[in-house]
Amino acid sequence: MQVVDDEARTLVWKNVSDPVCGREEVLVDVCAAALNRADLLQRAGKYPPPSGASTILGLEIAGRISMLGDEVHDWELGDRVCAL
């Protein structure tokens, strides 16, 4: 998976391992992502992410579900979703 990450105040493209889908989670193939005000403030050091949160920017995404956890019953593969 490719991401834009903030390393030492420099934006860099990185290849990272694909995430693992938990039992009550879905995995989304992202078709579009956006940076919002919170992302920009986080990068400026004025809005720290919650403890343990990812440093990967792009809190808003749209895409399609590509994997379902064992306990997910209300979604199907290929469903279009968005996340904030």
PDB file of N, CA and C in Angstrom:
ATOM      1  N   MET A   1       0.862  -1.160   0.000  1.00  0.00           N
ATOM      2  CA  MET A   1       0.000   0.000   0.000  1.00  0.00           C
ATOM      3  C   MET A   1       0.908   1.221   0.000  1.00  0.00           C
ATOM      4  N   GLN A   2       0.536   2.248  -0.764  1.00  0.00           N
ATOM      5  CA  GLN A   2       1.293   3.495  -0.784  1.00  0.00           C
ATOM      6  C   GLN A   2       0.571   4.545   0.043  1.00  0.00           C
ATOM      7  N   VAL A   3       1.351   5.324   0.788  1.00  0.00           N
ATOM      8  CA  VAL A   3       0.794   6.382   1.626  1.00  0.00           C
ATOM      9  C   VAL A   3       1.681   7.616   1.534  1.00  0.00           C
ATOM     10  N   VAL A   4       1.112   8.754   1.900  1.00  0.00           N
ATOM     11  CA  VAL A   4       1.891   9.969   2.121  1.00  0.00           C
ATOM     12  C   VAL A   4       2.007  10.113   3.626  1.00  0.00           C
ATOM     13  N   ASP A   5       3.232  10.152   4.117  1.00  0.00           N
ATOM     14  CA  ASP A   5       3.465  10.220   5.556  1.00  0.00           C
ATOM     15  C   ASP A   5       4.275  11.473   5.874  1.00  0.00           C
ATOM     16  N   ASP A   6       4.165  11.913   7.094  1.00  0.00           N
ATOM     17  CA  ASP A   6       4.878  13.104   7.562  1.00  0.00           C
ATOM     18  C   ASP A   6       6.034  12.636   8.438  1.00  0.00           C
ATOM     19  N   GLU A   7       7.225  12.625   7.861  1.00  0.00           N
ATOM     20  CA  GLU A   7       8.407  12.190   8.605  1.00  0.00           C
ATOM     21  C   GLU A   7       9.323  13.384   8.817  1.00  0.00           C
ATOM     22  N   ALA A   8       9.546  13.719  10.063  1.00  0.00           N
ATOM     23  CA  ALA A   8      10.455  14.822  10.408  1.00  0.00           C
ATOM     24  C   ALA A   8      10.090  16.087   9.640  1.00  0.00           C
ATOM     25  N   ARG A   9       8.758  16.353   9.577  1.00  0.00           N
ATOM     26  CA  ARG A   9       8.230  17.572   8.962  1.00  0.00           C
ATOM     27  C   ARG A   9       8.423  17.613   7.442  1.00  0.00           C
ATOM     28  N   THR A  10       8.625  16.441   6.822  1.00  0.00           N
ATOM     29  CA  THR A  10       8.746  16.343   5.376  1.00  0.00           C
ATOM     30  C   THR A  10       7.750  15.304   4.883  1.00  0.00           C
ATOM     31  N   LEU A  11       6.959  15.660   3.870  1.00  0.00           N
ATOM     32  CA  LEU A  11       6.013  14.703   3.297  1.00  0.00           C
ATOM     33  C   LEU A  11       6.763  13.741   2.390  1.00  0.00           C
ATOM     34  N   VAL A  12       6.512  12.449   2.578  1.00  0.00           N
ATOM     35  CA  VAL A  12       7.185  11.429   1.781  1.00  0.00           C
ATOM     36  C   VAL A  12       6.185  10.364   1.346  1.00  0.00           C
ATOM     37  N   TRP A  13       6.374   9.841   0.114  1.00  0.00           N
ATOM     38  CA  TRP A  13       5.631   8.675  -0.349  1.00  0.00           C
ATOM     39  C   TRP A  13       6.303   7.459   0.254  1.00  0.00           C
ATOM     40  N   LYS A  14       5.505   6.542   0.789  1.00  0.00           N
ATOM     41  CA  LYS A  14       6.054   5.333   1.386  1.00  0.00           C
ATOM     42  C   LYS A  14       5.240   4.125   0.961  1.00  0.00           C
ATOM     43  N   ASN A  15       5.921   3.009   0.839  1.00  0.00           N
ATOM     44  CA  ASN A  15       5.250   1.722   0.703  1.00  0.00           C
ATOM     45  C   ASN A  15       5.185   1.116   2.088  1.00  0.00           C
ATOM     46  N   VAL A  16       4.005   0.746   2.522  1.00  0.00           N
ATOM     47  CA  VAL A  16       3.821   0.124   3.829  1.00  0.00           C
ATOM     48  C   VAL A  16       3.043  -1.177   3.639  1.00  0.00           C
ATOM     49  N   SER A  17       3.088  -2.025   4.635  1.00  0.00           N
ATOM     50  CA  SER A  17       2.347  -3.289   4.575  1.00  0.00           C
ATOM     51  C   SER A  17       0.850  -3.023   4.493  1.00  0.00           C
ATOM     52  N   ASP A  18       0.150  -3.869   3.754  1.00  0.00           N
ATOM     53  CA  ASP A  18      -1.308  -3.764   3.710  1.00  0.00           C
ATOM     54  C   ASP A  18      -1.866  -4.011   5.107  1.00  0.00           C
ATOM     55  N   PRO A  19      -2.891  -3.261   5.500  1.00  0.00           N
ATOM     56  CA  PRO A  19      -3.482  -3.481   6.820  1.00  0.00           C
ATOM     57  C   PRO A  19      -4.191  -4.829   6.891  1.00  0.00           C
ATOM     58  N   VAL A  20      -4.314  -5.330   8.093  1.00  0.00           N
ATOM     59  CA  VAL A  20      -5.030  -6.581   8.337  1.00  0.00           C
ATOM     60  C   VAL A  20      -6.437  -6.225   8.800  1.00  0.00           C
ATOM     61  N   CYS A  21      -7.414  -6.909   8.260  1.00  0.00           N
ATOM     62  CA  CYS A  21      -8.809  -6.643   8.591  1.00  0.00           C
ATOM     63  C   CYS A  21      -9.180  -7.392   9.868  1.00  0.00           C
ATOM     64  N   GLY A  22      -9.632  -6.656  10.883  1.00  0.00           N
ATOM     65  CA  GLY A  22     -10.076  -7.275  12.128  1.00  0.00           C
ATOM     66  C   GLY A  22     -11.441  -7.922  11.972  1.00  0.00           C
ATOM     67  N   ARG A  23     -11.852  -8.683  12.971  1.00  0.00           N
ATOM     68  CA  ARG A  23     -13.116  -9.440  12.910  1.00  0.00           C
ATOM     69  C   ARG A  23     -14.337  -8.550  12.688  1.00  0.00           C
ATOM     70  N   GLU A  24     -14.342  -7.337  13.237  1.00  0.00           N
ATOM     71  CA  GLU A  24     -15.486  -6.423  13.117  1.00  0.00           C
ATOM     72  C   GLU A  24     -15.160  -5.234  12.220  1.00  0.00           C
ATOM     73  N   GLU A  25     -14.209  -5.397  11.321  1.00  0.00           N
ATOM     74  CA  GLU A  25     -13.759  -4.305  10.462  1.00  0.00           C
ATOM     75  C   GLU A  25     -13.920  -4.665   8.994  1.00  0.00           C
ATOM     76  N   VAL A  26     -13.860  -3.628   8.163  1.00  0.00           N
ATOM     77  CA  VAL A  26     -13.800  -3.812   6.718  1.00  0.00           C
ATOM     78  C   VAL A  26     -12.512  -3.166   6.217  1.00  0.00           C
ATOM     79  N   LEU A  27     -12.006  -3.662   5.109  1.00  0.00           N
ATOM     80  CA  LEU A  27     -10.854  -3.064   4.451  1.00  0.00           C
ATOM     81  C   LEU A  27     -11.368  -2.367   3.207  1.00  0.00           C
ATOM     82  N   VAL A  28     -10.930  -1.136   2.998  1.00  0.00           N
ATOM     83  CA  VAL A  28     -11.417  -0.330   1.885  1.00  0.00           C
ATOM     84  C   VAL A  28     -10.280  -0.057   0.911  1.00  0.00           C
ATOM     85  N   ASP A  29     -10.502  -0.344  -0.368  1.00  0.00           N
ATOM     86  CA  ASP A  29      -9.590   0.106  -1.415  1.00  0.00           C
ATOM     87  C   ASP A  29      -9.939   1.558  -1.690  1.00  0.00           C
ATOM     88  N   VAL A  30      -9.032   2.451  -1.378  1.00  0.00           N
ATOM     89  CA  VAL A  30      -9.293   3.884  -1.475  1.00  0.00           C
ATOM     90  C   VAL A  30      -9.229   4.326  -2.932  1.00  0.00           C
ATOM     91  N   CYS A  31     -10.290   5.007  -3.378  1.00  0.00           N
ATOM     92  CA  CYS A  31     -10.347   5.574  -4.721  1.00  0.00           C
ATOM     93  C   CYS A  31     -10.013   7.061  -4.701  1.00  0.00           C
ATOM     94  N   ALA A  32     -10.324   7.726  -3.588  1.00  0.00           N
ATOM     95  CA  ALA A  32     -10.050   9.160  -3.447  1.00  0.00           C
ATOM     96  C   ALA A  32      -9.801   9.470  -1.978  1.00  0.00           C
ATOM     97  N   ALA A  33      -8.893  10.395  -1.743  1.00  0.00           N
ATOM     98  CA  ALA A  33      -8.596  10.841  -0.381  1.00  0.00           C
ATOM     99  C   ALA A  33      -8.427  12.349  -0.402  1.00  0.00           C
ATOM    100  N   ALA A  34      -8.633  12.961   0.749  1.00  0.00           N
ATOM    101  CA  ALA A  34      -8.503  14.415   0.838  1.00  0.00           C
ATOM    102  C   ALA A  34      -7.817  14.787   2.143  1.00  0.00           C
ATOM    103  N   LEU A  35      -7.131  15.897   2.099  1.00  0.00           N
ATOM    104  CA  LEU A  35      -6.583  16.486   3.316  1.00  0.00           C
ATOM    105  C   LEU A  35      -7.559  17.541   3.790  1.00  0.00           C
ATOM    106  N   ASN A  36      -7.872  17.528   5.069  1.00  0.00           N
ATOM    107  CA  ASN A  36      -8.766  18.547   5.607  1.00  0.00           C
ATOM    108  C   ASN A  36      -8.004  19.423   6.597  1.00  0.00           C
ATOM    109  N   ARG A  37      -8.704  20.335   7.211  1.00  0.00           N
ATOM    110  CA  ARG A  37      -8.065  21.283   8.130  1.00  0.00           C
ATOM    111  C   ARG A  37      -7.337  20.567   9.267  1.00  0.00           C
ATOM    112  N   ALA A  38      -7.932  19.506   9.796  1.00  0.00           N
ATOM    113  CA  ALA A  38      -7.284  18.763  10.881  1.00  0.00           C
ATOM    114  C   ALA A  38      -5.952  18.167  10.421  1.00  0.00           C
ATOM    115  N   ASP A  39      -5.897  17.645   9.191  1.00  0.00           N
ATOM    116  CA  ASP A  39      -4.638  17.113   8.660  1.00  0.00           C
ATOM    117  C   ASP A  39      -3.576  18.207   8.595  1.00  0.00           C
ATOM    118  N   LEU A  40      -3.962  19.369   8.077  1.00  0.00           N
ATOM    119  CA  LEU A  40      -3.002  20.463   7.930  1.00  0.00           C
ATOM    120  C   LEU A  40      -2.530  20.978   9.282  1.00  0.00           C
ATOM    121  N   LEU A  41      -3.450  21.088  10.244  1.00  0.00           N
ATOM    122  CA  LEU A  41      -3.059  21.515  11.591  1.00  0.00           C
ATOM    123  C   LEU A  41      -2.165  20.467  12.254  1.00  0.00           C
ATOM    124  N   GLN A  42      -2.468  19.190  12.027  1.00  0.00           N
ATOM    125  CA  GLN A  42      -1.636  18.118  12.581  1.00  0.00           C
ATOM    126  C   GLN A  42      -0.219  18.235  12.031  1.00  0.00           C
ATOM    127  N   ARG A  43      -0.102  18.444  10.739  1.00  0.00           N
ATOM    128  CA  ARG A  43       1.220  18.562  10.122  1.00  0.00           C
ATOM    129  C   ARG A  43       1.966  19.781  10.638  1.00  0.00           C
ATOM    130  N   ALA A  44       1.240  20.855  10.954  1.00  0.00           N
ATOM    131  CA  ALA A  44       1.864  22.078  11.476  1.00  0.00           C
ATOM    132  C   ALA A  44       2.214  21.955  12.958  1.00  0.00           C
ATOM    133  N   GLY A  45       1.842  20.829  13.572  1.00  0.00           N
ATOM    134  CA  GLY A  45       2.149  20.630  14.982  1.00  0.00           C
ATOM    135  C   GLY A  45       1.185  21.315  15.925  1.00  0.00           C
ATOM    136  N   LYS A  46       0.023  21.727  15.406  1.00  0.00           N
ATOM    137  CA  LYS A  46      -0.949  22.462  16.220  1.00  0.00           C
ATOM    138  C   LYS A  46      -2.171  21.630  16.591  1.00  0.00           C
ATOM    139  N   TYR A  47      -2.190  20.377  16.178  1.00  0.00           N
ATOM    140  CA  TYR A  47      -3.332  19.499  16.440  1.00  0.00           C
ATOM    141  C   TYR A  47      -2.803  18.076  16.556  1.00  0.00           C
ATOM    142  N   PRO A  48      -2.302  17.701  17.722  1.00  0.00           N
ATOM    143  CA  PRO A  48      -1.687  16.379  17.839  1.00  0.00           C
ATOM    144  C   PRO A  48      -2.709  15.260  17.660  1.00  0.00           C
ATOM    145  N   PRO A  49      -2.323  14.203  16.949  1.00  0.00           N
ATOM    146  CA  PRO A  49      -3.235  13.068  16.802  1.00  0.00           C
ATOM    147  C   PRO A  49      -3.393  12.361  18.142  1.00  0.00           C
ATOM    148  N   PRO A  50      -4.479  11.633  18.316  1.00  0.00           N
ATOM    149  CA  PRO A  50      -4.652  10.863  19.550  1.00  0.00           C
ATOM    150  C   PRO A  50      -3.496   9.878  19.736  1.00  0.00           C
ATOM    151  N   SER A  51      -3.210   9.542  20.950  1.00  0.00           N
ATOM    152  CA  SER A  51      -2.142   8.601  21.262  1.00  0.00           C
ATOM    153  C   SER A  51      -2.350   7.290  20.505  1.00  0.00           C
ATOM    154  N   GLY A  52      -1.331   6.846  19.820  1.00  0.00           N
ATOM    155  CA  GLY A  52      -1.398   5.596  19.077  1.00  0.00           C
ATOM    156  C   GLY A  52      -1.973   5.714  17.677  1.00  0.00           C
ATOM    157  N   ALA A  53      -2.439   6.909  17.294  1.00  0.00           N
ATOM    158  CA  ALA A  53      -3.020   7.095  15.962  1.00  0.00           C
ATOM    159  C   ALA A  53      -1.920   7.130  14.901  1.00  0.00           C
ATOM    160  N   SER A  54      -2.285   6.808  13.697  1.00  0.00           N
ATOM    161  CA  SER A  54      -1.353   6.807  12.580  1.00  0.00           C
ATOM    162  C   SER A  54      -0.926   8.226  12.230  1.00  0.00           C
ATOM    163  N   THR A  55       0.288   8.368  11.713  1.00  0.00           N
ATOM    164  CA  THR A  55       0.753   9.668  11.224  1.00  0.00           C
ATOM    165  C   THR A  55       0.397   9.870   9.757  1.00  0.00           C
ATOM    166  N   ILE A  56      -0.236   8.876   9.140  1.00  0.00           N
ATOM    167  CA  ILE A  56      -0.598   8.979   7.729  1.00  0.00           C
ATOM    168  C   ILE A  56      -1.687  10.031   7.575  1.00  0.00           C
ATOM    169  N   LEU A  57      -1.444  10.991   6.679  1.00  0.00           N
ATOM    170  CA  LEU A  57      -2.403  12.068   6.455  1.00  0.00           C
ATOM    171  C   LEU A  57      -3.504  11.606   5.506  1.00  0.00           C
ATOM    172  N   GLY A  58      -4.647  12.285   5.562  1.00  0.00           N
ATOM    173  CA  GLY A  58      -5.774  11.963   4.691  1.00  0.00           C
ATOM    174  C   GLY A  58      -6.893  11.311   5.468  1.00  0.00           C
ATOM    175  N   LEU A  59      -7.555  12.104   6.303  1.00  0.00           N
ATOM    176  CA  LEU A  59      -8.602  11.561   7.170  1.00  0.00           C
ATOM    177  C   LEU A  59      -9.900  11.275   6.423  1.00  0.00           C
ATOM    178  N   GLU A  60     -10.053  11.835   5.239  1.00  0.00           N
ATOM    179  CA  GLU A  60     -11.286  11.650   4.473  1.00  0.00           C
ATOM    180  C   GLU A  60     -10.988  10.774   3.265  1.00  0.00           C
ATOM    181  N   ILE A  61     -11.790   9.698   3.100  1.00  0.00           N
ATOM    182  CA  ILE A  61     -11.570   8.794   1.964  1.00  0.00           C
ATOM    183  C   ILE A  61     -12.898   8.325   1.383  1.00  0.00           C
ATOM    184  N   ALA A  62     -12.836   7.879   0.141  1.00  0.00           N
ATOM    185  CA  ALA A  62     -13.961   7.203  -0.505  1.00  0.00           C
ATOM    186  C   ALA A  62     -13.389   6.014  -1.259  1.00  0.00           C
ATOM    187  N   GLY A  63     -14.117   4.910  -1.253  1.00  0.00           N
ATOM    188  CA  GLY A  63     -13.623   3.728  -1.946  1.00  0.00           C
ATOM    189  C   GLY A  63     -14.621   2.594  -1.907  1.00  0.00           C
ATOM    190  N   ARG A  64     -14.116   1.381  -2.120  1.00  0.00           N
ATOM    191  CA  ARG A  64     -14.951   0.182  -2.146  1.00  0.00           C
ATOM    192  C   ARG A  64     -14.407  -0.844  -1.158  1.00  0.00           C
ATOM    193  N   ILE A  65     -15.327  -1.546  -0.514  1.00  0.00           N
ATOM    194  CA  ILE A  65     -14.936  -2.582   0.442  1.00  0.00           C
ATOM    195  C   ILE A  65     -14.291  -3.744  -0.315  1.00  0.00           C
ATOM    196  N   SER A  66     -13.074  -4.103   0.129  1.00  0.00           N
ATOM    197  CA  SER A  66     -12.342  -5.187  -0.531  1.00  0.00           C
ATOM    198  C   SER A  66     -12.171  -6.415   0.363  1.00  0.00           C
ATOM    199  N   MET A  67     -12.463  -6.269   1.657  1.00  0.00           N
ATOM    200  CA  MET A  67     -12.359  -7.411   2.572  1.00  0.00           C
ATOM    201  C   MET A  67     -13.292  -7.181   3.750  1.00  0.00           C
ATOM    202  N   LEU A  68     -13.901  -8.259   4.223  1.00  0.00           N
ATOM    203  CA  LEU A  68     -14.817  -8.199   5.360  1.00  0.00           C
ATOM    204  C   LEU A  68     -14.282  -9.049   6.504  1.00  0.00           C
ATOM    205  N   GLY A  69     -14.356  -8.515   7.723  1.00  0.00           N
ATOM    206  CA  GLY A  69     -14.036  -9.316   8.896  1.00  0.00           C
ATOM    207  C   GLY A  69     -15.108 -10.371   9.125  1.00  0.00           C
ATOM    208  N   ASP A  70     -14.766 -11.396   9.884  1.00  0.00           N
ATOM    209  CA  ASP A  70     -15.682 -12.519  10.123  1.00  0.00           C
ATOM    210  C   ASP A  70     -17.001 -12.108  10.767  1.00  0.00           C
ATOM    211  N   GLU A  71     -17.006 -11.039  11.540  1.00  0.00           N
ATOM    212  CA  GLU A  71     -18.202 -10.613  12.272  1.00  0.00           C
ATOM    213  C   GLU A  71     -18.962  -9.481  11.577  1.00  0.00           C
ATOM    214  N   VAL A  72     -18.617  -9.154  10.339  1.00  0.00           N
ATOM    215  CA  VAL A  72     -19.291  -8.086   9.591  1.00  0.00           C
ATOM    216  C   VAL A  72     -20.415  -8.701   8.774  1.00  0.00           C
ATOM    217  N   HIS A  73     -21.642  -8.211   8.996  1.00  0.00           N
ATOM    218  CA  HIS A  73     -22.802  -8.802   8.322  1.00  0.00           C
ATOM    219  C   HIS A  73     -23.636  -7.788   7.539  1.00  0.00           C
ATOM    220  N   ASP A  74     -23.420  -6.498   7.752  1.00  0.00           N
ATOM    221  CA  ASP A  74     -24.262  -5.478   7.121  1.00  0.00           C
ATOM    222  C   ASP A  74     -23.636  -4.873   5.863  1.00  0.00           C
ATOM    223  N   TRP A  75     -22.483  -5.353   5.463  1.00  0.00           N
ATOM    224  CA  TRP A  75     -21.784  -4.831   4.292  1.00  0.00           C
ATOM    225  C   TRP A  75     -21.428  -5.986   3.367  1.00  0.00           C
ATOM    226  N   GLU A  76     -21.192  -5.643   2.087  1.00  0.00           N
ATOM    227  CA  GLU A  76     -20.794  -6.653   1.113  1.00  0.00           C
ATOM    228  C   GLU A  76     -19.547  -6.189   0.380  1.00  0.00           C
ATOM    229  N   LEU A  77     -18.781  -7.144  -0.143  1.00  0.00           N
ATOM    230  CA  LEU A  77     -17.627  -6.790  -0.964  1.00  0.00           C
ATOM    231  C   LEU A  77     -18.086  -5.920  -2.127  1.00  0.00           C
ATOM    232  N   GLY A  78     -17.331  -4.871  -2.399  1.00  0.00           N
ATOM    233  CA  GLY A  78     -17.670  -3.975  -3.501  1.00  0.00           C
ATOM    234  C   GLY A  78     -18.557  -2.814  -3.116  1.00  0.00           C
ATOM    235  N   ASP A  79     -19.141  -2.831  -1.910  1.00  0.00           N
ATOM    236  CA  ASP A  79     -19.962  -1.693  -1.474  1.00  0.00           C
ATOM    237  C   ASP A  79     -19.129  -0.418  -1.493  1.00  0.00           C
ATOM    238  N   ARG A  80     -19.740   0.659  -1.966  1.00  0.00           N
ATOM    239  CA  ARG A  80     -19.086   1.971  -1.948  1.00  0.00           C
ATOM    240  C   ARG A  80     -19.244   2.582  -0.566  1.00  0.00           C
ATOM    241  N   VAL A  81     -18.151   3.131  -0.042  1.00  0.00           N
ATOM    242  CA  VAL A  81     -18.171   3.711   1.301  1.00  0.00           C
ATOM    243  C   VAL A  81     -17.344   4.985   1.330  1.00  0.00           C
ATOM    244  N   CYS A  82     -17.591   5.780   2.364  1.00  0.00           N
ATOM    245  CA  CYS A  82     -16.740   6.933   2.646  1.00  0.00           C
ATOM    246  C   CYS A  82     -16.439   6.916   4.137  1.00  0.00           C
ATOM    247  N   ALA A  83     -15.367   7.566   4.512  1.00  0.00           N
ATOM    248  CA  ALA A  83     -14.984   7.621   5.921  1.00  0.00           C
ATOM    249  C   ALA A  83     -14.434   9.005   6.221  1.00  0.00           C
ATOM    250  N   LEU A  84     -14.707   9.448   7.420  1.00  0.00           N
ATOM    251  CA  LEU A  84     -14.196  10.746   7.875  1.00  0.00           C
ATOM    252  C   LEU A  84     -13.336  10.537   9.094  1.00  0.00           C
TER     253      LEU A  84
END
